C-alpha atoms as a PDB file:
ATOM      1  CA  UNK A   1    -145.674  36.275 -26.311  1.00  0.00           C
ATOM      2  CA  UNK A   2    -143.866  34.407 -23.531  1.00  0.00           C
ATOM      3  CA  UNK A   3    -144.957  36.976 -20.947  1.00  0.00           C
ATOM      4  CA  UNK A   4    -148.555  36.921 -22.163  1.00  0.00           C
ATOM      5  CA  UNK A   5    -148.670  33.121 -21.956  1.00  0.00           C
ATOM      6  CA  UNK A   6    -148.618  33.422 -18.157  1.00  0.00           C
ATOM      7  CA  UNK A   7    -151.989  35.206 -18.327  1.00  0.00           C
ATOM      8  CA  UNK A   8    -153.535  32.272 -20.225  1.00  0.00           C
ATOM      9  CA  UNK A   9    -152.489  29.117 -18.323  1.00  0.00           C
ATOM     10  CA  UNK A  10    -155.254  26.957 -19.859  1.00  0.00           C
ATOM     11  CA  UNK A  11    -154.297  27.794 -23.440  1.00  0.00           C
ATOM     12  CA  UNK A  12    -151.849  24.895 -23.784  1.00  0.00           C
ATOM     13  CA  UNK A  13    -154.519  22.361 -22.790  1.00  0.00           C
ATOM     14  CA  UNK A  14    -157.062  24.022 -25.069  1.00  0.00           C
ATOM     15  CA  UNK A  15    -154.631  23.725 -27.975  1.00  0.00           C
ATOM     16  CA  UNK A  16    -154.015  20.036 -27.288  1.00  0.00           C
ATOM     17  CA  UNK A  17    -157.733  19.265 -26.959  1.00  0.00           C
ATOM     18  CA  UNK A  18    -158.433  21.159 -30.182  1.00  0.00           C
ATOM     19  CA  UNK A  19    -155.753  19.145 -31.981  1.00  0.00           C
ATOM     20  CA  UNK A  20    -153.506  22.125 -32.785  1.00  0.00           C
ATOM     21  CA  UNK A  21    -149.886  21.053 -33.198  1.00  0.00           C
ATOM     22  CA  UNK A  22    -148.464  24.245 -31.689  1.00  0.00           C
ATOM     23  CA  UNK A  23    -147.517  25.368 -28.181  1.00  0.00           C
ATOM     24  CA  UNK A  24    -149.086  28.270 -26.289  1.00  0.00           C
ATOM     25  CA  UNK A  25    -146.215  30.726 -26.825  1.00  0.00           C
ATOM     26  CA  UNK A  26    -146.212  30.173 -30.584  1.00  0.00           C
ATOM     27  CA  UNK A  27    -149.993  30.523 -30.726  1.00  0.00           C
ATOM     28  CA  UNK A  28    -149.913  33.794 -28.789  1.00  0.00           C
ATOM     29  CA  UNK A  29    -147.207  35.044 -31.170  1.00  0.00           C
ATOM     30  CA  UNK A  30    -149.462  34.209 -34.129  1.00  0.00           C
ATOM     31  CA  UNK A  31    -152.360  35.922 -32.357  1.00  0.00           C
ATOM     32  CA  UNK A  32    -150.318  39.092 -31.838  1.00  0.00           C
ATOM     33  CA  UNK A  33    -149.276  39.046 -35.497  1.00  0.00           C
ATOM     34  CA  UNK A  34    -152.878  38.717 -36.670  1.00  0.00           C
ATOM     35  CA  UNK A  35    -153.920  41.486 -34.279  1.00  0.00           C
ATOM     36  CA  UNK A  36    -151.232  43.787 -35.687  1.00  0.00           C
ATOM     37  CA  UNK A  37    -152.271  42.956 -39.262  1.00  0.00           C
ATOM     38  CA  UNK A  38    -155.908  43.711 -38.410  1.00  0.00           C
ATOM     39  CA  UNK A  39    -154.893  47.040 -36.825  1.00  0.00           C
ATOM     40  CA  UNK A  40    -152.863  48.150 -39.868  1.00  0.00           C
ATOM     41  CA  UNK A  41    -155.517  46.933 -42.323  1.00  0.00           C
ATOM     42  CA  UNK A  42    -158.320  48.862 -40.630  1.00  0.00           C
ATOM     43  CA  UNK A  43    -156.196  52.033 -40.422  1.00  0.00           C
ATOM     44  CA  UNK A  44    -155.371  51.834 -44.136  1.00  0.00           C
ATOM     45  CA  UNK A  45    -159.011  51.172 -44.976  1.00  0.00           C
ATOM     46  CA  UNK A  46    -160.224  54.172 -42.967  1.00  0.00           C
ATOM     47  CA  UNK A  47    -157.567  56.457 -44.466  1.00  0.00           C
ATOM     48  CA  UNK A  48    -158.487  55.272 -47.966  1.00  0.00           C
ATOM     49  CA  UNK A  49    -162.163  56.001 -47.362  1.00  0.00           C
ATOM     50  CA  UNK A  50    -161.337  59.456 -45.995  1.00  0.00           C
ATOM     51  CA  UNK A  51    -159.197  60.247 -49.053  1.00  0.00           C
ATOM     52  CA  UNK A  52    -161.774  58.919 -51.535  1.00  0.00           C
ATOM     53  CA  UNK A  53    -164.698  60.677 -49.856  1.00  0.00           C
ATOM     54  CA  UNK A  54    -162.585  63.805 -49.196  1.00  0.00           C
ATOM     55  CA  UNK A  55    -163.952  63.851 -45.676  1.00  0.00           C
ATOM     56  CA  UNK A  56    -162.295  65.724 -42.793  1.00  0.00           C
ATOM     57  CA  UNK A  57    -159.752  63.669 -40.843  1.00  0.00           C
ATOM     58  CA  UNK A  58    -161.028  62.509 -37.454  1.00  0.00           C
ATOM     59  CA  UNK A  59    -158.256  61.293 -35.141  1.00  0.00           C
ATOM     60  CA  UNK A  60    -160.629  59.540 -32.734  1.00  0.00           C
ATOM     61  CA  UNK A  61    -162.286  57.661 -35.603  1.00  0.00           C
ATOM     62  CA  UNK A  62    -159.006  56.782 -37.319  1.00  0.00           C
ATOM     63  CA  UNK A  63    -157.475  55.389 -34.116  1.00  0.00           C
ATOM     64  CA  UNK A  64    -160.478  54.267 -32.078  1.00  0.00           C
ATOM     65  CA  UNK A  65    -161.995  51.868 -34.608  1.00  0.00           C
ATOM     66  CA  UNK A  66    -158.675  50.055 -35.335  1.00  0.00           C
ATOM     67  CA  UNK A  67    -158.079  49.629 -31.598  1.00  0.00           C
ATOM     68  CA  UNK A  68    -161.557  48.159 -31.082  1.00  0.00           C
ATOM     69  CA  UNK A  69    -161.145  45.814 -34.064  1.00  0.00           C
ATOM     70  CA  UNK A  70    -157.690  44.764 -32.826  1.00  0.00           C
ATOM     71  CA  UNK A  71    -158.975  43.942 -29.343  1.00  0.00           C
ATOM     72  CA  UNK A  72    -161.815  41.917 -30.842  1.00  0.00           C
ATOM     73  CA  UNK A  73    -159.384  40.100 -33.159  1.00  0.00           C
ATOM     74  CA  UNK A  74    -157.004  39.290 -30.295  1.00  0.00           C
ATOM     75  CA  UNK A  75    -159.623  37.706 -28.047  1.00  0.00           C
ATOM     76  CA  UNK A  76    -161.419  36.015 -30.944  1.00  0.00           C
ATOM     77  CA  UNK A  77    -158.249  34.276 -32.145  1.00  0.00           C
ATOM     78  CA  UNK A  78    -157.444  33.276 -28.556  1.00  0.00           C
ATOM     79  CA  UNK A  79    -160.915  31.769 -28.196  1.00  0.00           C
ATOM     80  CA  UNK A  80    -160.618  29.668 -31.374  1.00  0.00           C
ATOM     81  CA  UNK A  81    -159.119  26.628 -29.560  1.00  0.00           C
ATOM     82  CA  UNK A  82    -162.005  26.626 -27.062  1.00  0.00           C
ATOM     83  CA  UNK A  83    -164.539  26.958 -29.884  1.00  0.00           C
ATOM     84  CA  UNK A  84    -162.888  24.118 -31.800  1.00  0.00           C
ATOM     85  CA  UNK A  85    -162.795  21.977 -28.649  1.00  0.00           C
ATOM     86  CA  UNK A  86    -166.506  22.576 -28.059  1.00  0.00           C
ATOM     87  CA  UNK A  87    -167.292  21.735 -31.699  1.00  0.00           C
ATOM     88  CA  UNK A  88    -165.276  18.509 -31.574  1.00  0.00           C
ATOM     89  CA  UNK A  89    -166.865  17.615 -28.246  1.00  0.00           C
ATOM     90  CA  UNK A  90    -170.342  17.901 -29.781  1.00  0.00           C
ATOM     91  CA  UNK A  91    -169.294  15.747 -32.740  1.00  0.00           C
ATOM     92  CA  UNK A  92    -167.903  13.079 -30.414  1.00  0.00           C
ATOM     93  CA  UNK A  93    -170.963  13.071 -28.133  1.00  0.00           C
ATOM     94  CA  UNK A  94    -173.210  12.724 -31.187  1.00  0.00           C
ATOM     95  CA  UNK A  95    -171.870   9.229 -31.984  1.00  0.00           C
ATOM     96  CA  UNK A  96    -170.530   8.211 -28.589  1.00  0.00           C
ATOM     97  CA  UNK A  97    -173.644   6.377 -27.403  1.00  0.00           C
ATOM     98  CA  UNK A  98    -173.763   4.217 -30.537  1.00  0.00           C
ATOM     99  CA  UNK A  99    -170.033   3.557 -30.286  1.00  0.00           C
ATOM    100  CA  UNK A 100    -170.432   2.369 -26.693  1.00  0.00           C
ATOM    101  CA  UNK A 101    -173.241  -0.018 -27.648  1.00  0.00           C
ATOM    102  CA  UNK A 102    -171.075  -1.449 -30.425  1.00  0.00           C
ATOM    103  CA  UNK A 103    -168.186  -1.889 -27.985  1.00  0.00           C
ATOM    104  CA  UNK A 104    -170.454  -3.660 -25.486  1.00  0.00           C
ATOM    105  CA  UNK A 105    -171.677  -6.066 -28.181  1.00  0.00           C
ATOM    106  CA  UNK A 106    -168.141  -6.854 -29.320  1.00  0.00           C
ATOM    107  CA  UNK A 107    -166.812  -7.316 -25.778  1.00  0.00           C
ATOM    108  CA  UNK A 108    -169.779  -9.535 -24.903  1.00  0.00           C
ATOM    109  CA  UNK A 109    -168.964 -11.641 -27.962  1.00  0.00           C
ATOM    110  CA  UNK A 110    -165.472 -12.213 -26.557  1.00  0.00           C
ATOM    111  CA  UNK A 111    -163.536  -9.897 -28.859  1.00  0.00           C
ATOM    112  CA  UNK A 112    -160.401  -8.516 -27.123  1.00  0.00           C
ATOM    113  CA  UNK A 113    -160.416  -4.855 -26.110  1.00  0.00           C
ATOM    114  CA  UNK A 114    -157.670  -3.812 -28.536  1.00  0.00           C
ATOM    115  CA  UNK A 115    -159.444  -5.484 -31.454  1.00  0.00           C
ATOM    116  CA  UNK A 116    -162.683  -3.813 -30.387  1.00  0.00           C
ATOM    117  CA  UNK A 117    -161.043  -0.384 -30.443  1.00  0.00           C
ATOM    118  CA  UNK A 118    -159.520  -1.221 -33.848  1.00  0.00           C
ATOM    119  CA  UNK A 119    -162.955  -2.155 -35.200  1.00  0.00           C
ATOM    120  CA  UNK A 120    -164.397   1.113 -33.892  1.00  0.00           C
ATOM    121  CA  UNK A 121    -161.561   3.002 -35.587  1.00  0.00           C
ATOM    122  CA  UNK A 122    -162.508   1.383 -38.893  1.00  0.00           C
ATOM    123  CA  UNK A 123    -166.225   1.953 -38.309  1.00  0.00           C
ATOM    124  CA  UNK A 124    -168.444   4.866 -39.253  1.00  0.00           C
ATOM    125  CA  UNK A 125    -168.557   6.723 -35.949  1.00  0.00           C
ATOM    126  CA  UNK A 126    -167.227  10.087 -37.101  1.00  0.00           C
ATOM    127  CA  UNK A 127    -164.981  11.830 -34.598  1.00  0.00           C
ATOM    128  CA  UNK A 128    -165.108   8.804 -32.268  1.00  0.00           C
ATOM    129  CA  UNK A 129    -163.529   6.631 -34.971  1.00  0.00           C
ATOM    130  CA  UNK A 130    -160.858   9.285 -35.511  1.00  0.00           C
ATOM    131  CA  UNK A 131    -159.916   9.268 -31.818  1.00  0.00           C
ATOM    132  CA  UNK A 132    -159.889   5.462 -31.717  1.00  0.00           C
ATOM    133  CA  UNK A 133    -157.671   5.387 -34.804  1.00  0.00           C
ATOM    134  CA  UNK A 134    -155.126   7.592 -33.025  1.00  0.00           C
ATOM    135  CA  UNK A 135    -155.321   5.377 -29.932  1.00  0.00           C
ATOM    136  CA  UNK A 136    -154.682   2.263 -32.029  1.00  0.00           C
ATOM    137  CA  UNK A 137    -151.726   3.941 -33.726  1.00  0.00           C
ATOM    138  CA  UNK A 138    -150.104   4.873 -30.411  1.00  0.00           C
ATOM    139  CA  UNK A 139    -150.637   1.380 -28.984  1.00  0.00           C
ATOM    140  CA  UNK A 140    -149.146  -0.236 -32.084  1.00  0.00           C
ATOM    141  CA  UNK A 141    -146.132   2.051 -31.764  1.00  0.00           C
ATOM    142  CA  UNK A 142    -145.281   0.319 -28.476  1.00  0.00           C
ATOM    143  CA  UNK A 143    -147.001   2.407 -25.807  1.00  0.00           C
ATOM    144  CA  UNK A 144    -148.922   0.841 -22.948  1.00  0.00           C
ATOM    145  CA  UNK A 145    -152.676   0.711 -23.514  1.00  0.00           C
ATOM    146  CA  UNK A 146    -153.280   2.209 -20.057  1.00  0.00           C
ATOM    147  CA  UNK A 147    -150.935   5.119 -20.730  1.00  0.00           C
ATOM    148  CA  UNK A 148    -152.547   5.787 -24.109  1.00  0.00           C
ATOM    149  CA  UNK A 149    -156.080   5.692 -22.696  1.00  0.00           C
ATOM    150  CA  UNK A 150    -155.141   8.026 -19.846  1.00  0.00           C
ATOM    151  CA  UNK A 151    -153.379  10.418 -22.221  1.00  0.00           C
ATOM    152  CA  UNK A 152    -156.300  10.648 -24.621  1.00  0.00           C
ATOM    153  CA  UNK A 153    -158.663  10.914 -21.687  1.00  0.00           C
ATOM    154  CA  UNK A 154    -156.830  14.044 -20.538  1.00  0.00           C
ATOM    155  CA  UNK A 155    -156.879  15.727 -23.961  1.00  0.00           C
ATOM    156  CA  UNK A 156    -160.336  14.512 -25.006  1.00  0.00           C
ATOM    157  CA  UNK A 157    -162.647  17.373 -26.114  1.00  0.00           C
ATOM    158  CA  UNK A 158    -165.620  15.398 -24.798  1.00  0.00           C
ATOM    159  CA  UNK A 159    -166.195  14.981 -21.083  1.00  0.00           C
ATOM    160  CA  UNK A 160    -168.061  11.718 -21.660  1.00  0.00           C
ATOM    161  CA  UNK A 161    -165.341  10.222 -23.857  1.00  0.00           C
ATOM    162  CA  UNK A 162    -162.842  11.219 -21.177  1.00  0.00           C
ATOM    163  CA  UNK A 163    -164.856   9.258 -18.630  1.00  0.00           C
ATOM    164  CA  UNK A 164    -165.140   6.300 -20.998  1.00  0.00           C
ATOM    165  CA  UNK A 165    -161.394   6.116 -21.563  1.00  0.00           C
ATOM    166  CA  UNK A 166    -160.605   6.500 -17.876  1.00  0.00           C
ATOM    167  CA  UNK A 167    -163.216   3.904 -16.918  1.00  0.00           C
ATOM    168  CA  UNK A 168    -161.703   1.431 -19.380  1.00  0.00           C
ATOM    169  CA  UNK A 169    -158.211   2.164 -18.052  1.00  0.00           C
ATOM    170  CA  UNK A 170    -159.335   1.705 -14.435  1.00  0.00           C
ATOM    171  CA  UNK A 171    -161.159  -1.513 -15.336  1.00  0.00           C
ATOM    172  CA  UNK A 172    -157.994  -2.897 -16.934  1.00  0.00           C
ATOM    173  CA  UNK A 173    -155.898  -2.001 -13.887  1.00  0.00           C
ATOM    174  CA  UNK A 174    -158.376  -3.393 -11.342  1.00  0.00           C
ATOM    175  CA  UNK A 175    -159.467  -6.364 -13.430  1.00  0.00           C
ATOM    176  CA  UNK A 176    -163.155  -5.388 -13.297  1.00  0.00           C
ATOM    177  CA  UNK A 177    -165.711  -5.825 -16.072  1.00  0.00           C
ATOM    178  CA  UNK A 178    -165.326  -3.170 -18.790  1.00  0.00           C
ATOM    179  CA  UNK A 179    -168.814  -3.866 -20.169  1.00  0.00           C
ATOM    180  CA  UNK A 180    -170.546  -2.740 -16.966  1.00  0.00           C
ATOM    181  CA  UNK A 181    -168.651   0.548 -16.905  1.00  0.00           C
ATOM    182  CA  UNK A 182    -169.523   1.213 -20.550  1.00  0.00           C
ATOM    183  CA  UNK A 183    -173.180   0.344 -19.939  1.00  0.00           C
ATOM    184  CA  UNK A 184    -173.438   2.820 -17.042  1.00  0.00           C
ATOM    185  CA  UNK A 185    -171.963   5.669 -19.088  1.00  0.00           C
ATOM    186  CA  UNK A 186    -174.174   4.771 -22.069  1.00  0.00           C
ATOM    187  CA  UNK A 187    -177.305   5.027 -19.921  1.00  0.00           C
ATOM    188  CA  UNK A 188    -176.175   8.383 -18.543  1.00  0.00           C
ATOM    189  CA  UNK A 189    -175.554   9.767 -22.039  1.00  0.00           C
ATOM    190  CA  UNK A 190    -178.972   8.556 -23.177  1.00  0.00           C
ATOM    191  CA  UNK A 191    -180.670  10.261 -20.223  1.00  0.00           C
ATOM    192  CA  UNK A 192    -178.882  13.524 -20.932  1.00  0.00           C
ATOM    193  CA  UNK A 193    -179.987  13.409 -24.569  1.00  0.00           C
ATOM    194  CA  UNK A 194    -183.579  12.842 -23.475  1.00  0.00           C
ATOM    195  CA  UNK A 195    -183.334  15.794 -21.085  1.00  0.00           C
ATOM    196  CA  UNK A 196    -181.932  17.986 -23.875  1.00  0.00           C
ATOM    197  CA  UNK A 197    -184.789  17.010 -26.194  1.00  0.00           C
ATOM    198  CA  UNK A 198    -187.381  17.717 -23.497  1.00  0.00           C
ATOM    199  CA  UNK A 199    -185.789  21.073 -22.662  1.00  0.00           C
ATOM    200  CA  UNK A 200    -185.594  21.994 -26.347  1.00  0.00           C
ATOM    201  CA  UNK A 201    -189.283  21.138 -26.806  1.00  0.00           C
ATOM    202  CA  UNK A 202    -190.287  23.453 -23.956  1.00  0.00           C
ATOM    203  CA  UNK A 203    -188.023  26.212 -25.236  1.00  0.00           C
ATOM    204  CA  UNK A 204    -189.378  25.777 -28.763  1.00  0.00           C
ATOM    205  CA  UNK A 205    -192.914  26.417 -27.504  1.00  0.00           C
ATOM    206  CA  UNK A 206    -191.765  29.736 -26.055  1.00  0.00           C
ATOM    207  CA  UNK A 207    -189.978  30.666 -29.290  1.00  0.00           C
ATOM    208  CA  UNK A 208    -193.132  29.774 -31.237  1.00  0.00           C
ATOM    209  CA  UNK A 209    -195.162  32.176 -29.106  1.00  0.00           C
ATOM    210  CA  UNK A 210    -192.576  34.926 -29.593  1.00  0.00           C
ATOM    211  CA  UNK A 211    -192.570  34.276 -33.352  1.00  0.00           C
ATOM    212  CA  UNK A 212    -196.348  34.540 -33.532  1.00  0.00           C
ATOM    213  CA  UNK A 213    -196.314  37.833 -31.619  1.00  0.00           C
ATOM    214  CA  UNK A 214    -193.496  39.417 -33.656  1.00  0.00           C
ATOM    215  CA  UNK A 215    -194.321  38.147 -37.156  1.00  0.00           C
ATOM    216  CA  UNK A 216    -198.113  37.829 -37.127  1.00  0.00           C
ATOM    217  CA  UNK A 217    -199.752  39.845 -34.372  1.00  0.00           C
ATOM    218  CA  UNK A 218    -197.467  42.883 -34.140  1.00  0.00           C
ATOM    219  CA  UNK A 219    -197.310  43.687 -37.911  1.00  0.00           C
ATOM    220  CA  UNK A 220    -201.065  43.215 -38.376  1.00  0.00           C
ATOM    221  CA  UNK A 221    -201.996  45.391 -35.421  1.00  0.00           C
ATOM    222  CA  UNK A 222    -199.255  47.907 -36.236  1.00  0.00           C
ATOM    223  CA  UNK A 223    -200.333  48.390 -39.858  1.00  0.00           C
ATOM    224  CA  UNK A 224    -203.992  48.607 -38.804  1.00  0.00           C
ATOM    225  CA  UNK A 225    -203.147  51.227 -36.193  1.00  0.00           C
ATOM    226  CA  UNK A 226    -201.088  53.223 -38.707  1.00  0.00           C
ATOM    227  CA  UNK A 227    -203.948  53.148 -41.218  1.00  0.00           C
ATOM    228  CA  UNK A 228    -206.399  54.398 -38.604  1.00  0.00           C
ATOM    229  CA  UNK A 229    -204.066  57.189 -37.471  1.00  0.00           C
ATOM    230  CA  UNK A 230    -203.282  58.071 -41.080  1.00  0.00           C
ATOM    231  CA  UNK A 231    -206.975  58.466 -41.885  1.00  0.00           C
ATOM    232  CA  UNK A 232    -207.319  60.977 -39.055  1.00  0.00           C
ATOM    233  CA  UNK A 233    -204.191  62.892 -40.126  1.00  0.00           C
ATOM    234  CA  UNK A 234    -205.066  63.212 -43.800  1.00  0.00           C
ATOM    235  CA  UNK A 235    -203.335  60.081 -45.131  1.00  0.00           C
ATOM    236  CA  UNK A 236    -199.783  61.403 -45.040  1.00  0.00           C
ATOM    237  CA  UNK A 237    -198.552  59.128 -42.283  1.00  0.00           C
ATOM    238  CA  UNK A 238    -198.299  55.902 -44.289  1.00  0.00           C
ATOM    239  CA  UNK A 239    -197.177  55.284 -47.873  1.00  0.00           C
ATOM    240  CA  UNK A 240    -195.573  52.599 -50.058  1.00  0.00           C
ATOM    241  CA  UNK A 241    -192.165  53.048 -48.399  1.00  0.00           C
ATOM    242  CA  UNK A 242    -193.722  52.168 -45.054  1.00  0.00           C
ATOM    243  CA  UNK A 243    -194.923  48.805 -46.352  1.00  0.00           C
ATOM    244  CA  UNK A 244    -191.517  48.062 -47.895  1.00  0.00           C
ATOM    245  CA  UNK A 245    -189.828  48.935 -44.587  1.00  0.00           C
ATOM    246  CA  UNK A 246    -192.153  46.591 -42.675  1.00  0.00           C
ATOM    247  CA  UNK A 247    -191.555  43.824 -45.231  1.00  0.00           C
ATOM    248  CA  UNK A 248    -187.756  44.110 -44.998  1.00  0.00           C
ATOM    249  CA  UNK A 249    -187.924  44.289 -41.191  1.00  0.00           C
ATOM    250  CA  UNK A 250    -190.046  41.129 -41.042  1.00  0.00           C
ATOM    251  CA  UNK A 251    -187.611  39.309 -43.327  1.00  0.00           C
ATOM    252  CA  UNK A 252    -184.661  40.287 -41.104  1.00  0.00           C
ATOM    253  CA  UNK A 253    -186.527  39.210 -37.958  1.00  0.00           C
ATOM    254  CA  UNK A 254    -187.389  35.846 -39.514  1.00  0.00           C
ATOM    255  CA  UNK A 255    -183.763  35.219 -40.524  1.00  0.00           C
ATOM    256  CA  UNK A 256    -182.580  36.047 -36.997  1.00  0.00           C
ATOM    257  CA  UNK A 257    -185.321  33.861 -35.516  1.00  0.00           C
ATOM    258  CA  UNK A 258    -184.417  30.876 -37.718  1.00  0.00           C
ATOM    259  CA  UNK A 259    -180.742  31.251 -36.772  1.00  0.00           C
ATOM    260  CA  UNK A 260    -181.566  31.376 -33.050  1.00  0.00           C
ATOM    261  CA  UNK A 261    -183.816  28.310 -33.217  1.00  0.00           C
ATOM    262  CA  UNK A 262    -181.203  26.321 -35.168  1.00  0.00           C
ATOM    263  CA  UNK A 263    -178.476  27.310 -32.714  1.00  0.00           C
ATOM    264  CA  UNK A 264    -180.613  26.108 -29.792  1.00  0.00           C
ATOM    265  CA  UNK A 265    -181.302  22.710 -31.367  1.00  0.00           C
ATOM    266  CA  UNK A 266    -179.390  19.960 -29.534  1.00  0.00           C
ATOM    267  CA  UNK A 267    -177.066  17.771 -31.590  1.00  0.00           C
ATOM    268  CA  UNK A 268    -177.927  14.177 -30.758  1.00  0.00           C
END
């Protein structure tokens, strides 16, 4: 595990941003253990199926499939911190704009920065409130507010929250106005959300056209063509099973289509 950790230098940062309380070497050791368990499990499963079905033993099948599954398991487990970081980043960005507006209002009203962060921590801003709660806890433990903001800026899953924390830290050090820095970032986040909505609308039009072609036009024309060909060939080309096959295929295509459209939808 220690030797493999050299091949994944970013893993330690990914683990910290994902909130995993484990170092890279330990995580790689766990990954290797899970890979080994997957390898043994698949081998035992294949051997059990061969014995139950009384099928001839195939060495390539018995070894090849477990190796493929093990490789997939290894890289999937290694990618979990990145996936978790991306998920947390989306959750933070979802409420970040509203959090920034609340902070601007409080700072404009003359509330001190630490009290503002404390109020955000107690507010209903999802992952943003969770991060602010951790920041408040570290500051109350005796750490410098600049050090805490810089530290959480480094390990923040969200690029925008990272910029917010660093901008606040720089404003404190230079004595500049924190509200102006927050306002600039808030406007930038709002513009990006508008661009995502516009891009999603254009992409949705294309997906709608594809859906109409696959679900409406293609089945109608295909069944009509099969009926015409079947009438020329004596009616043996199409039967009840054909209609059931088309129905199941359309259902599968619609499920895949719905999943793709939902995955493309921006979280704002």
